[in-house]
Amino acid sequence: MSRLTDNLDSIAEQIRQSFSAKDATREKILPLCREVIRFSSSAIRAIHRQEFKPAKDLLKSARGRLKEAEQAIDGYSEFRHTGFFRDAQKEFAEASITFALVTKNQTPTPDELGIDFAAYLNGLGEAVGELRRYLLDSIRRDDLSRVEELLAAMDDIYNILVTMDFPDAITSGLRRTTDMVRGILERTRSDLTLVIQQKKLEGKLKTFEDRLR
C-alpha cells in the first residue's frame, strides 16, 4: 500500500463501524414504527365502533412503541427525518386527535403526544377525514346530536392549517394535506346541509299529517 494511503484501512474500519451501528439502529426502529402505525390504525377502527376503552389502550400501546423508537434514535438524530419515523408520528397524532375530539376532550398538544410539529399538523389534517367518517356514521344511526359540533371542529382545524404557509421541506407536505382537508370539509358541509333540510321537511310533513288526523 502506498505511504499516501496507508491510513485507508483504519478510515474504512471507522466508517464501517459507524454504518453498522446505524444499520442496527434502523433495524430496531423499523418494526417499532410499524407497530405504532398498526396500533394507531386499530385505535381508529375501535373509535368508529365506539369502543373507546379498547381504543384508549391501543393508543397507550402505540405511544409506548413510539417512545422506544425515540430512545433507539438517541445519538442518530438523522432518523427523526426519515419517512417511516415521520409516518409513525403522524399516524399516532391522527388517532390521538380523533379520539380526543370524538370523546369530547381537548385537542392534545404536540408536547403531550411527544411528536414534532410537522407530524402533528399532518396528523391533525388526517384526523378531519376520520371525523367526517364518524359524522356520517352518526347520521346513518339517525343521531344528529353532535354533527354540527364535529363539523365546527373540522372547520377550526382547516382554519389553523391554512395559516401554515411554509415550504413543504419544513411542513412535510402540509399543503397537500390542507387541500385534502378543504375538499373533505366542503363535502361534509354539503352532506350535512342536505340532511338537516331533509329533517326539517320531514318535520313539517309530520306536523301537516298530524293536523289532518
C-alpha atoms as a PDB file:
ATOM      1  CA  MET A   1       0.000   0.000   0.000  1.00  0.00           C
ATOM      2  CA  SER A   2       1.238   3.444  -0.819  1.00  0.00           C
ATOM      3  CA  ARG A   3       2.505   5.608   2.021  1.00  0.00           C
ATOM      4  CA  LEU A   4      -0.103   8.178   0.972  1.00  0.00           C
ATOM      5  CA  THR A   5      -2.969   5.730   1.532  1.00  0.00           C
ATOM      6  CA  ASP A   6      -1.693   3.557   4.347  1.00  0.00           C
ATOM      7  CA  ASN A   7      -4.363   5.001   6.654  1.00  0.00           C
ATOM      8  CA  LEU A   8      -7.263   3.982   4.414  1.00  0.00           C
ATOM      9  CA  ASP A   9      -7.840   0.681   6.234  1.00  0.00           C
ATOM     10  CA  SER A  10      -8.355   2.437   9.565  1.00  0.00           C
ATOM     11  CA  ILE A  11     -10.594   5.047   7.927  1.00  0.00           C
ATOM     12  CA  ALA A  12     -12.678   2.330   6.271  1.00  0.00           C
ATOM     13  CA  GLU A  13     -12.988   0.405   9.531  1.00  0.00           C
ATOM     14  CA  GLN A  14     -14.170   3.532  11.354  1.00  0.00           C
ATOM     15  CA  ILE A  15     -16.789   4.172   8.665  1.00  0.00           C
ATOM     16  CA  ARG A  16     -17.817   0.511   8.650  1.00  0.00           C
ATOM     17  CA  GLN A  17     -18.395   0.509  12.397  1.00  0.00           C
ATOM     18  CA  SER A  18     -20.441   3.696  12.175  1.00  0.00           C
ATOM     19  CA  PHE A  19     -22.589   2.325   9.364  1.00  0.00           C
ATOM     20  CA  SER A  20     -23.071  -0.981  11.203  1.00  0.00           C
ATOM     21  CA  ALA A  21     -24.292   0.850  14.295  1.00  0.00           C
ATOM     22  CA  LYS A  22     -26.673   2.972  12.226  1.00  0.00           C
ATOM     23  CA  ASP A  23     -27.955  -0.081  10.371  1.00  0.00           C
ATOM     24  CA  ALA A  24     -28.600  -1.892  13.668  1.00  0.00           C
ATOM     25  CA  THR A  25     -30.483   1.147  14.944  1.00  0.00           C
ATOM     26  CA  ARG A  26     -32.560   1.322  11.774  1.00  0.00           C
ATOM     27  CA  GLU A  27     -33.420  -2.378  12.043  1.00  0.00           C
ATOM     28  CA  LYS A  28     -34.595  -1.754  15.607  1.00  0.00           C
ATOM     29  CA  ILE A  29     -36.654   1.337  14.767  1.00  0.00           C
ATOM     30  CA  LEU A  30     -38.488  -0.010  11.708  1.00  0.00           C
ATOM     31  CA  PRO A  31     -40.576  -2.712  13.473  1.00  0.00           C
ATOM     32  CA  LEU A  32     -41.351  -0.289  16.308  1.00  0.00           C
ATOM     33  CA  CYS A  33     -42.667   2.283  13.817  1.00  0.00           C
ATOM     34  CA  ARG A  34     -44.743  -0.395  12.089  1.00  0.00           C
ATOM     35  CA  GLU A  35     -46.290  -1.296  15.443  1.00  0.00           C
ATOM     36  CA  VAL A  36     -47.057   2.366  16.172  1.00  0.00           C
ATOM     37  CA  ILE A  37     -48.929   2.560  12.862  1.00  0.00           C
ATOM     38  CA  ARG A  38     -50.705  -0.750  13.475  1.00  0.00           C
ATOM     39  CA  PHE A  39     -51.839   0.189  16.985  1.00  0.00           C
ATOM     40  CA  SER A  40     -52.928   3.642  15.807  1.00  0.00           C
ATOM     41  CA  SER A  41     -54.954   2.198  12.902  1.00  0.00           C
ATOM     42  CA  SER A  42     -56.594  -0.313  15.237  1.00  0.00           C
ATOM     43  CA  ALA A  43     -57.429   2.501  17.670  1.00  0.00           C
ATOM     44  CA  ILE A  44     -59.176   4.439  14.897  1.00  0.00           C
ATOM     45  CA  ARG A  45     -61.226   1.374  13.955  1.00  0.00           C
ATOM     46  CA  ALA A  46     -62.218   0.959  17.606  1.00  0.00           C
ATOM     47  CA  ILE A  47     -63.229   4.636  17.786  1.00  0.00           C
ATOM     48  CA  HIS A  48     -65.595   4.213  14.847  1.00  0.00           C
ATOM     49  CA  ARG A  49     -67.135   1.206  16.603  1.00  0.00           C
ATOM     50  CA  GLN A  50     -67.464   3.421  19.702  1.00  0.00           C
ATOM     51  CA  GLU A  51     -65.249   1.029  21.632  1.00  0.00           C
ATOM     52  CA  PHE A  52     -63.454   3.783  23.485  1.00  0.00           C
ATOM     53  CA  LYS A  53     -61.764   1.784  26.248  1.00  0.00           C
ATOM     54  CA  PRO A  54     -60.003  -0.554  23.781  1.00  0.00           C
ATOM     55  CA  ALA A  55     -59.119   2.485  21.644  1.00  0.00           C
ATOM     56  CA  LYS A  56     -57.503   4.175  24.638  1.00  0.00           C
ATOM     57  CA  ASP A  57     -55.498   1.030  25.416  1.00  0.00           C
ATOM     58  CA  LEU A  58     -54.328   0.773  21.810  1.00  0.00           C
ATOM     59  CA  LEU A  59     -53.196   4.406  21.850  1.00  0.00           C
ATOM     60  CA  LYS A  60     -51.268   3.706  25.044  1.00  0.00           C
ATOM     61  CA  SER A  61     -49.511   0.810  23.308  1.00  0.00           C
ATOM     62  CA  ALA A  62     -48.743   2.994  20.281  1.00  0.00           C
ATOM     63  CA  ARG A  63     -47.255   5.668  22.499  1.00  0.00           C
ATOM     64  CA  GLY A  64     -45.087   3.106  24.262  1.00  0.00           C
ATOM     65  CA  ARG A  65     -43.662   1.838  20.972  1.00  0.00           C
ATOM     66  CA  LEU A  66     -43.054   5.398  19.802  1.00  0.00           C
ATOM     67  CA  LYS A  67     -41.077   6.137  22.955  1.00  0.00           C
ATOM     68  CA  GLU A  68     -38.994   3.013  22.380  1.00  0.00           C
ATOM     69  CA  ALA A  69     -38.256   4.191  18.851  1.00  0.00           C
ATOM     70  CA  GLU A  70     -37.257   7.632  20.126  1.00  0.00           C
ATOM     71  CA  GLN A  71     -34.895   6.077  22.653  1.00  0.00           C
ATOM     72  CA  ALA A  72     -33.327   3.948  19.921  1.00  0.00           C
ATOM     73  CA  ILE A  73     -32.848   7.054  17.782  1.00  0.00           C
ATOM     74  CA  ASP A  74     -30.890   8.819  20.524  1.00  0.00           C
ATOM     75  CA  GLY A  75     -27.499   9.557  19.024  1.00  0.00           C
ATOM     76  CA  TYR A  76     -28.731   9.203  15.439  1.00  0.00           C
ATOM     77  CA  SER A  77     -30.900  12.282  15.002  1.00  0.00           C
ATOM     78  CA  GLU A  78     -30.997  11.823  11.212  1.00  0.00           C
ATOM     79  CA  PHE A  79     -33.537   9.039  11.705  1.00  0.00           C
ATOM     80  CA  ARG A  80     -36.012  11.605  13.022  1.00  0.00           C
ATOM     81  CA  HIS A  81     -36.354  12.921   9.463  1.00  0.00           C
ATOM     82  CA  THR A  82     -36.959   9.568   7.786  1.00  0.00           C
ATOM     83  CA  GLY A  83     -40.303   8.758   6.205  1.00  0.00           C
ATOM     84  CA  PHE A  84     -41.017   5.728   8.380  1.00  0.00           C
ATOM     85  CA  PHE A  85     -40.497   7.627  11.648  1.00  0.00           C
ATOM     86  CA  ARG A  86     -42.490  10.659  10.477  1.00  0.00           C
ATOM     87  CA  ASP A  87     -45.315   8.368   9.315  1.00  0.00           C
ATOM     88  CA  ALA A  88     -45.440   6.685  12.720  1.00  0.00           C
ATOM     89  CA  GLN A  89     -45.654  10.064  14.459  1.00  0.00           C
ATOM     90  CA  LYS A  90     -48.331  11.281  12.051  1.00  0.00           C
ATOM     91  CA  GLU A  91     -50.494   8.159  12.460  1.00  0.00           C
ATOM     92  CA  PHE A  92     -50.235   8.383  16.234  1.00  0.00           C
ATOM     93  CA  ALA A  93     -51.206  12.058  16.128  1.00  0.00           C
ATOM     94  CA  GLU A  94     -54.167  11.330  13.847  1.00  0.00           C
ATOM     95  CA  ALA A  95     -55.514   8.580  16.107  1.00  0.00           C
ATOM     96  CA  SER A  96     -54.936  10.560  19.318  1.00  0.00           C
ATOM     97  CA  ILE A  97     -56.599  13.711  17.998  1.00  0.00           C
ATOM     98  CA  THR A  98     -59.547  11.762  16.587  1.00  0.00           C
ATOM     99  CA  PHE A  99     -60.018  10.003  19.931  1.00  0.00           C
ATOM    100  CA  ALA A 100     -59.914  13.289  21.858  1.00  0.00           C
ATOM    101  CA  LEU A 101     -62.428  15.085  19.652  1.00  0.00           C
ATOM    102  CA  VAL A 102     -64.862  12.173  19.396  1.00  0.00           C
ATOM    103  CA  THR A 103     -64.800  11.645  23.176  1.00  0.00           C
ATOM    104  CA  LYS A 104     -65.299  15.389  23.831  1.00  0.00           C
ATOM    105  CA  ASN A 105     -61.807  16.011  25.205  1.00  0.00           C
ATOM    106  CA  GLN A 106     -59.487  18.908  24.463  1.00  0.00           C
ATOM    107  CA  THR A 107     -57.175  18.511  21.498  1.00  0.00           C
ATOM    108  CA  PRO A 108     -53.821  17.109  22.694  1.00  0.00           C
ATOM    109  CA  THR A 109     -50.739  19.249  22.098  1.00  0.00           C
ATOM    110  CA  PRO A 110     -47.593  18.145  20.233  1.00  0.00           C
ATOM    111  CA  ASP A 111     -45.717  18.115  23.544  1.00  0.00           C
ATOM    112  CA  GLU A 112     -48.339  15.927  25.169  1.00  0.00           C
ATOM    113  CA  LEU A 113     -48.069  13.459  22.287  1.00  0.00           C
ATOM    114  CA  GLY A 114     -44.278  13.741  22.145  1.00  0.00           C
ATOM    115  CA  ILE A 115     -44.077  14.388  18.403  1.00  0.00           C
ATOM    116  CA  ASP A 116     -42.669  17.132  16.181  1.00  0.00           C
ATOM    117  CA  PHE A 117     -44.754  19.972  14.802  1.00  0.00           C
ATOM    118  CA  ALA A 118     -44.851  18.884  11.151  1.00  0.00           C
ATOM    119  CA  ALA A 119     -46.042  15.367  12.010  1.00  0.00           C
ATOM    120  CA  TYR A 120     -48.601  16.855  14.400  1.00  0.00           C
ATOM    121  CA  LEU A 121     -50.085  19.207  11.812  1.00  0.00           C
ATOM    122  CA  ASN A 122     -50.313  16.488   9.178  1.00  0.00           C
ATOM    123  CA  GLY A 123     -51.915  14.162  11.720  1.00  0.00           C
ATOM    124  CA  LEU A 124     -54.337  16.946  12.628  1.00  0.00           C
ATOM    125  CA  GLY A 125     -55.316  17.232   8.971  1.00  0.00           C
ATOM    126  CA  GLU A 126     -55.721  13.469   8.568  1.00  0.00           C
ATOM    127  CA  ALA A 127     -57.999  13.429  11.630  1.00  0.00           C
ATOM    128  CA  VAL A 128     -60.503  15.541   9.674  1.00  0.00           C
ATOM    129  CA  GLY A 129     -61.135  12.580   7.370  1.00  0.00           C
ATOM    130  CA  GLU A 130     -61.851  10.361  10.376  1.00  0.00           C
ATOM    131  CA  LEU A 131     -64.181  12.981  11.851  1.00  0.00           C
ATOM    132  CA  ARG A 132     -66.117  13.035   8.570  1.00  0.00           C
ATOM    133  CA  ARG A 133     -66.437   9.263   8.690  1.00  0.00           C
ATOM    134  CA  TYR A 134     -67.622   9.378  12.311  1.00  0.00           C
ATOM    135  CA  LEU A 135     -70.070  12.163  11.477  1.00  0.00           C
ATOM    136  CA  LEU A 136     -71.549  10.224   8.539  1.00  0.00           C
ATOM    137  CA  ASP A 137     -71.851   7.089  10.672  1.00  0.00           C
ATOM    138  CA  SER A 138     -73.752   9.159  13.252  1.00  0.00           C
ATOM    139  CA  ILE A 139     -76.127  10.374  10.555  1.00  0.00           C
ATOM    140  CA  ARG A 140     -76.744   6.778   9.450  1.00  0.00           C
ATOM    141  CA  ARG A 141     -77.620   5.951  13.060  1.00  0.00           C
ATOM    142  CA  ASP A 142     -80.056   8.888  12.931  1.00  0.00           C
ATOM    143  CA  ASP A 143     -78.023  10.619  15.634  1.00  0.00           C
ATOM    144  CA  LEU A 144     -77.568  14.302  14.817  1.00  0.00           C
ATOM    145  CA  SER A 145     -76.715  15.351  18.359  1.00  0.00           C
ATOM    146  CA  ARG A 146     -73.046  16.125  17.647  1.00  0.00           C
ATOM    147  CA  VAL A 147     -72.792  16.537  13.895  1.00  0.00           C
ATOM    148  CA  GLU A 148     -72.655  20.335  13.956  1.00  0.00           C
ATOM    149  CA  GLU A 149     -70.120  20.266  16.797  1.00  0.00           C
ATOM    150  CA  LEU A 150     -67.879  17.886  14.853  1.00  0.00           C
ATOM    151  CA  LEU A 151     -68.249  19.954  11.678  1.00  0.00           C
ATOM    152  CA  ALA A 152     -67.209  23.043  13.660  1.00  0.00           C
ATOM    153  CA  ALA A 153     -64.119  21.165  14.907  1.00  0.00           C
ATOM    154  CA  MET A 154     -63.242  20.226  11.318  1.00  0.00           C
ATOM    155  CA  ASP A 155     -63.666  23.865  10.296  1.00  0.00           C
ATOM    156  CA  ASP A 156     -61.411  25.025  13.154  1.00  0.00           C
ATOM    157  CA  ILE A 157     -58.706  22.574  12.081  1.00  0.00           C
ATOM    158  CA  TYR A 158     -58.808  23.812   8.490  1.00  0.00           C
ATOM    159  CA  ASN A 159     -58.632  27.442   9.624  1.00  0.00           C
ATOM    160  CA  ILE A 160     -55.420  26.624  11.501  1.00  0.00           C
ATOM    161  CA  LEU A 161     -53.812  24.562   8.749  1.00  0.00           C
ATOM    162  CA  VAL A 162     -54.433  27.169   6.056  1.00  0.00           C
ATOM    163  CA  THR A 163     -52.354  29.698   8.032  1.00  0.00           C
ATOM    164  CA  MET A 164     -49.262  27.448   7.954  1.00  0.00           C
ATOM    165  CA  ASP A 165     -47.876  28.888   4.731  1.00  0.00           C
ATOM    166  CA  PHE A 166     -44.363  27.463   4.808  1.00  0.00           C
ATOM    167  CA  PRO A 167     -42.322  25.374   2.352  1.00  0.00           C
ATOM    168  CA  ASP A 168     -43.062  21.649   2.179  1.00  0.00           C
ATOM    169  CA  ALA A 169     -39.481  20.970   3.268  1.00  0.00           C
ATOM    170  CA  ILE A 170     -40.425  22.431   6.652  1.00  0.00           C
ATOM    171  CA  THR A 171     -44.005  21.149   6.945  1.00  0.00           C
ATOM    172  CA  SER A 172     -43.545  17.698   5.356  1.00  0.00           C
ATOM    173  CA  GLY A 173     -46.103  18.285   2.617  1.00  0.00           C
ATOM    174  CA  LEU A 174     -48.730  20.025   4.749  1.00  0.00           C
ATOM    175  CA  ARG A 175     -50.049  21.984   1.758  1.00  0.00           C
ATOM    176  CA  ARG A 176     -51.332  18.783   0.151  1.00  0.00           C
ATOM    177  CA  THR A 177     -52.941  17.739   3.444  1.00  0.00           C
ATOM    178  CA  THR A 178     -54.587  21.162   3.770  1.00  0.00           C
ATOM    179  CA  ASP A 179     -56.025  20.912   0.243  1.00  0.00           C
ATOM    180  CA  MET A 180     -57.414  17.489   1.132  1.00  0.00           C
ATOM    181  CA  VAL A 181     -58.987  18.899   4.298  1.00  0.00           C
ATOM    182  CA  ARG A 182     -60.668  21.695   2.327  1.00  0.00           C
ATOM    183  CA  GLY A 183     -62.293  19.168  -0.004  1.00  0.00           C
ATOM    184  CA  ILE A 184     -63.473  16.991   2.875  1.00  0.00           C
ATOM    185  CA  LEU A 185     -64.882  20.000   4.697  1.00  0.00           C
ATOM    186  CA  GLU A 186     -66.815  21.210   1.649  1.00  0.00           C
ATOM    187  CA  ARG A 187     -68.330  17.765   1.010  1.00  0.00           C
ATOM    188  CA  THR A 188     -69.215  17.283   4.659  1.00  0.00           C
ATOM    189  CA  ARG A 189     -70.875  20.685   4.936  1.00  0.00           C
ATOM    190  CA  SER A 190     -72.906  19.930   1.807  1.00  0.00           C
ATOM    191  CA  ASP A 191     -73.914  16.483   3.104  1.00  0.00           C
ATOM    192  CA  LEU A 192     -74.930  17.870   6.479  1.00  0.00           C
ATOM    193  CA  THR A 193     -76.914  20.725   4.946  1.00  0.00           C
ATOM    194  CA  LEU A 194     -78.933  18.243   2.874  1.00  0.00           C
ATOM    195  CA  VAL A 195     -79.599  16.048   5.900  1.00  0.00           C
ATOM    196  CA  ILE A 196     -80.750  18.976   8.034  1.00  0.00           C
ATOM    197  CA  GLN A 197     -83.008  20.258   5.276  1.00  0.00           C
ATOM    198  CA  GLN A 198     -84.463  16.780   4.853  1.00  0.00           C
ATOM    199  CA  LYS A 199     -85.108  16.501   8.585  1.00  0.00           C
ATOM    200  CA  LYS A 200     -86.862  19.874   8.596  1.00  0.00           C
ATOM    201  CA  LEU A 201     -89.016  18.789   5.649  1.00  0.00           C
ATOM    202  CA  GLU A 202     -89.882  15.527   7.381  1.00  0.00           C
ATOM    203  CA  GLY A 203     -90.835  17.500  10.490  1.00  0.00           C
ATOM    204  CA  LYS A 204     -93.130  19.788   8.516  1.00  0.00           C
ATOM    205  CA  LEU A 205     -94.761  16.828   6.768  1.00  0.00           C
ATOM    206  CA  LYS A 206     -95.359  15.115  10.086  1.00  0.00           C
ATOM    207  CA  THR A 207     -96.925  18.289  11.524  1.00  0.00           C
ATOM    208  CA  PHE A 208     -99.134  18.576   8.468  1.00  0.00           C
ATOM    209  CA  GLU A 209    -100.207  14.911   8.692  1.00  0.00           C
ATOM    210  CA  ASP A 210    -100.949  15.293  12.394  1.00  0.00           C
ATOM    211  CA  ARG A 211    -103.261  18.235  11.648  1.00  0.00           C
ATOM    212  CA  LEU A 212    -105.149  16.183   9.087  1.00  0.00           C
ATOM    213  CA  ARG A 213    -105.915  13.454  11.611  1.00  0.00           C
END
